[in-house]
C-alpha atoms as a PDB file:
ATOM      1  CA  MET A   1      87.473  65.230 141.203  1.00  0.00           C
ATOM      2  CA  VAL A   2      89.769  66.105 144.061  1.00  0.00           C
ATOM      3  CA  VAL A   3      92.807  63.878 144.056  1.00  0.00           C
ATOM      4  CA  GLU A   4      93.474  62.265 147.435  1.00  0.00           C
ATOM      5  CA  ASP A   5      96.563  63.615 149.182  1.00  0.00           C
ATOM      6  CA  ASN A   6      96.816  66.489 146.726  1.00  0.00           C
ATOM      7  CA  PRO A   7      98.887  69.281 148.313  1.00  0.00           C
ATOM      8  CA  LEU A   8      97.816  71.765 145.640  1.00  0.00           C
ATOM      9  CA  ALA A   9      94.135  71.057 146.289  1.00  0.00           C
ATOM     10  CA  GLU A  10      94.704  71.513 150.011  1.00  0.00           C
ATOM     11  CA  GLU A  11      96.594  74.762 149.445  1.00  0.00           C
ATOM     12  CA  PHE A  12      93.834  76.062 147.165  1.00  0.00           C
ATOM     13  CA  VAL A  13      91.138  75.246 149.722  1.00  0.00           C
ATOM     14  CA  CYS A  14      93.194  76.825 152.528  1.00  0.00           C
ATOM     15  CA  PHE A  15      93.690  79.932 150.393  1.00  0.00           C
ATOM     16  CA  CYS A  16      89.927  80.205 149.936  1.00  0.00           C
ATOM     17  CA  LEU A  17      89.233  79.445 153.610  1.00  0.00           C
ATOM     18  CA  GLU A  18      91.531  82.290 154.611  1.00  0.00           C
ATOM     19  CA  ARG A  19      89.699  84.657 152.284  1.00  0.00           C
ATOM     20  CA  ARG A  20      86.137  83.630 153.160  1.00  0.00           C
ATOM     21  CA  GLY A  21      86.064  81.335 156.194  1.00  0.00           C
ATOM     22  CA  TYR A  22      84.185  78.063 156.384  1.00  0.00           C
ATOM     23  CA  LYS A  23      80.552  78.694 155.656  1.00  0.00           C
ATOM     24  CA  TRP A  24      79.069  76.665 152.866  1.00  0.00           C
ATOM     25  CA  PRO A  25      77.965  77.616 150.139  1.00  0.00           C
ATOM     26  CA  GLU A  26      79.762  80.958 150.470  1.00  0.00           C
ATOM     27  CA  LEU A  27      83.099  79.138 150.480  1.00  0.00           C
ATOM     28  CA  TYR A  28      82.212  77.388 147.228  1.00  0.00           C
ATOM     29  CA  ASP A  29      81.284  80.760 145.723  1.00  0.00           C
ATOM     30  CA  GLU A  30      84.685  82.077 146.831  1.00  0.00           C
ATOM     31  CA  MET A  31      86.450  79.095 145.234  1.00  0.00           C
ATOM     32  CA  CYS A  32      84.693  79.861 141.948  1.00  0.00           C
ATOM     33  CA  ARG A  33      85.543  83.556 142.262  1.00  0.00           C
ATOM     34  CA  VAL A  34      89.203  82.781 142.960  1.00  0.00           C
ATOM     35  CA  ALA A  35      89.360  80.470 139.937  1.00  0.00           C
ATOM     36  CA  SER A  36      87.538  82.864 137.610  1.00  0.00           C
ATOM     37  CA  HIS A  37      89.899  85.723 138.542  1.00  0.00           C
ATOM     38  CA  ARG A  38      92.999  83.480 138.688  1.00  0.00           C
ATOM     39  CA  LEU A  39      93.792  84.697 142.206  1.00  0.00           C
ATOM     40  CA  PHE A  40      95.516  81.476 143.290  1.00  0.00           C
ATOM     41  CA  ARG A  41      98.897  81.071 141.588  1.00  0.00           C
ATOM     42  CA  GLY A  42      97.419  82.521 138.400  1.00  0.00           C
ATOM     43  CA  MET A  43      95.380  79.331 137.952  1.00  0.00           C
ATOM     44  CA  GLY A  44      91.886  79.295 136.489  1.00  0.00           C
ATOM     45  CA  TYR A  45      89.292  76.538 136.182  1.00  0.00           C
ATOM     46  CA  THR A  46      91.200  74.580 133.540  1.00  0.00           C
ATOM     47  CA  GLU A  47      94.543  74.677 135.334  1.00  0.00           C
ATOM     48  CA  LEU A  48      92.961  73.656 138.625  1.00  0.00           C
ATOM     49  CA  GLN A  49      91.096  70.823 136.879  1.00  0.00           C
ATOM     50  CA  ASP A  50      94.382  69.659 135.325  1.00  0.00           C
ATOM     51  CA  GLN A  51      95.833  69.492 138.844  1.00  0.00           C
ATOM     52  CA  GLY A  52      92.921  67.459 140.189  1.00  0.00           C
ATOM     53  CA  VAL A  53      90.764  70.264 141.588  1.00  0.00           C
ATOM     54  CA  SER A  54      87.355  70.315 139.925  1.00  0.00           C
ATOM     55  CA  LEU A  55      84.846  72.970 140.863  1.00  0.00           C
ATOM     56  CA  SER A  56      82.020  71.173 139.069  1.00  0.00           C
ATOM     57  CA  LEU A  57      78.752  70.693 140.908  1.00  0.00           C
ATOM     58  CA  ALA A  58      79.286  66.936 140.674  1.00  0.00           C
ATOM     59  CA  ASN A  59      82.420  67.369 142.808  1.00  0.00           C
ATOM     60  CA  MET A  60      80.892  69.693 145.388  1.00  0.00           C
ATOM     61  CA  ASN A  61      80.576  67.040 148.125  1.00  0.00           C
ATOM     62  CA  LYS A  62      84.272  66.149 147.864  1.00  0.00           C
ATOM     63  CA  LEU A  63      85.249  69.814 148.035  1.00  0.00           C
ATOM     64  CA  ALA A  64      82.968  70.384 151.030  1.00  0.00           C
ATOM     65  CA  THR A  65      84.457  67.392 152.840  1.00  0.00           C
ATOM     66  CA  LEU A  66      88.010  68.562 152.129  1.00  0.00           C
ATOM     67  CA  ALA A  67      87.162  72.096 153.275  1.00  0.00           C
ATOM     68  CA  GLU A  68      85.535  70.839 156.467  1.00  0.00           C
ATOM     69  CA  THR A  69      88.570  68.691 157.245  1.00  0.00           C
ATOM     70  CA  LEU A  70      91.035  71.504 156.566  1.00  0.00           C
ATOM     71  CA  ALA A  71      89.010  74.116 158.458  1.00  0.00           C
ATOM     72  CA  SER A  72      89.416  72.091 161.640  1.00  0.00           C
ATOM     73  CA  SER A  73      93.038  71.150 160.979  1.00  0.00           C
ATOM     74  CA  PRO A  74      96.222  72.917 162.050  1.00  0.00           C
ATOM     75  CA  ASN A  75      97.629  71.867 158.636  1.00  0.00           C
ATOM     76  CA  CYS A  76      95.701  74.639 156.943  1.00  0.00           C
ATOM     77  CA  LEU A  77      98.397  77.259 157.152  1.00  0.00           C
ATOM     78  CA  GLN A  78      97.890  80.830 156.094  1.00  0.00           C
ATOM     79  CA  VAL A  79      98.757  81.275 152.466  1.00  0.00           C
ATOM     80  CA  SER A  80      99.297  84.521 150.640  1.00  0.00           C
END
């Protein structure tokens, strides 16, 4: 699940977009890599899930839609 209007989810996706760019499925692979290495705010899969960001395959379409929206939006600011 990706919670609607979830600033943390948007920041996570922007973080991954900055690292990889928008090319699916490479971006999804990057999201999984970031989570597995806790590169975003020290958060792994469980912490992201608790905040409404699921990287499960069942949620992939929602993540792809969010990433596509943010990739074409000026709201996706650079994050470090």
